């Protein structure tokens, strides 16, 4: 739980990351960044996470990960669920 009582699920790595200016864009269907166009995939993964987060009224945030270099800044993906009132 975070300081506001919301449940947070985070996955953090030290890979190539996603440039800050592109983090919202990659949540759209079929969007693939230039660096990933030569790799397999359809650009649906993060848009599916966004749709599932929306169904559960959660926020889906992308940020800087554990990386220590500019070339490999890493990525932090978070699902932040609303407080349960029950």
Protein backbone atom coordinates (compact mmCIF):
# COMPACT_ATOMS: atom_id res chain seq x y z
CA UNK A 1 0.00 0.00 0.00
CA UNK A 2 1.18 3.51 -0.68
CA UNK A 3 0.90 6.44 1.74
CA UNK A 4 -2.64 7.11 0.49
CA UNK A 5 -3.83 3.56 1.25
CA UNK A 6 -3.98 2.47 -2.37
CA UNK A 7 -2.62 -0.90 -3.48
CA UNK A 8 0.28 -0.56 -5.91
CA UNK A 9 1.63 -3.36 -8.08
CA UNK A 10 4.94 -2.40 -9.71
CA UNK A 11 7.33 -4.10 -12.11
CA UNK A 12 10.72 -2.41 -12.40
CA UNK A 13 13.68 -3.28 -14.61
CA UNK A 14 16.99 -1.90 -15.83
CA UNK A 15 16.44 -2.36 -19.56
CA UNK A 16 16.26 0.17 -22.39
CA UNK A 17 13.14 1.85 -20.99
CA UNK A 18 10.69 4.10 -22.82
CA UNK A 19 11.53 7.77 -23.40
CA UNK A 20 9.47 10.02 -21.12
CA UNK A 21 7.91 11.84 -24.07
CA UNK A 22 6.59 8.52 -25.47
CA UNK A 23 5.21 6.92 -22.27
CA UNK A 24 1.59 7.92 -22.77
CA UNK A 25 1.67 7.22 -26.49
CA UNK A 26 2.82 3.59 -26.07
CA UNK A 27 -0.41 2.85 -24.18
CA UNK A 28 -2.39 3.30 -27.43
CA UNK A 29 -3.29 0.28 -29.57
CA UNK A 30 -0.80 -0.78 -32.24
CA UNK A 31 1.83 1.78 -31.22
CA UNK A 32 5.40 0.54 -31.45
CA UNK A 33 8.45 2.71 -30.94
CA UNK A 34 11.05 2.82 -33.68
CA UNK A 35 13.58 0.75 -31.70
CA UNK A 36 11.12 -2.15 -31.34
CA UNK A 37 9.88 -2.31 -34.95
CA UNK A 38 12.44 -4.99 -35.86
CA UNK A 39 11.30 -7.25 -32.99
CA UNK A 40 8.21 -9.48 -32.90
CA UNK A 41 5.03 -7.99 -31.50
CA UNK A 42 1.91 -6.10 -32.47
CA UNK A 43 1.91 -3.16 -30.08
CA UNK A 44 -1.07 -4.40 -28.08
CA UNK A 45 0.48 -5.28 -24.71
CA UNK A 46 0.45 -1.92 -22.96
CA UNK A 47 -2.90 -0.96 -24.48
CA UNK A 48 -4.38 -4.15 -22.97
CA UNK A 49 -2.91 -3.28 -19.57
CA UNK A 50 -4.45 0.19 -19.91
CA UNK A 51 -7.87 -1.29 -20.75
CA UNK A 52 -7.74 -3.70 -17.80
CA UNK A 53 -6.64 -0.90 -15.47
CA UNK A 54 -9.57 1.22 -16.67
CA UNK A 55 -12.02 -1.63 -15.97
CA UNK A 56 -10.76 -1.78 -12.39
CA UNK A 57 -10.62 2.02 -12.01
CA UNK A 58 -6.86 1.74 -11.51
CA UNK A 59 -4.19 4.08 -12.82
CA UNK A 60 -1.47 2.68 -15.08
CA UNK A 61 1.75 4.68 -14.89
CA UNK A 62 5.10 4.30 -16.61
CA UNK A 63 8.28 5.85 -15.25
CA UNK A 64 12.03 5.49 -14.89
CA UNK A 65 13.30 2.15 -13.65
CA UNK A 66 16.47 0.91 -11.96
CA UNK A 67 18.81 1.63 -14.89
CA UNK A 68 21.98 3.54 -14.20
CA UNK A 69 22.89 4.70 -17.69
CA UNK A 70 21.24 6.91 -20.27
CA UNK A 71 21.17 3.99 -22.73
CA UNK A 72 19.51 1.67 -20.19
CA UNK A 73 17.36 3.79 -17.85
CA UNK A 74 14.98 0.94 -17.14
CA UNK A 75 11.22 1.13 -16.81
CA UNK A 76 8.83 1.21 -13.88
CA UNK A 77 5.28 0.05 -14.64
CA UNK A 78 2.69 0.61 -11.92
CA UNK A 79 -0.94 -0.31 -11.44
CA UNK A 80 -2.42 1.85 -8.69
CA UNK A 81 -5.80 0.67 -7.45
CA UNK A 82 -8.36 2.92 -5.75
CA UNK A 83 -8.98 2.56 -2.02
CA UNK A 84 -11.60 -0.02 -1.21
CA UNK A 85 -14.51 1.40 0.70
CA UNK A 86 -16.05 -1.49 2.46
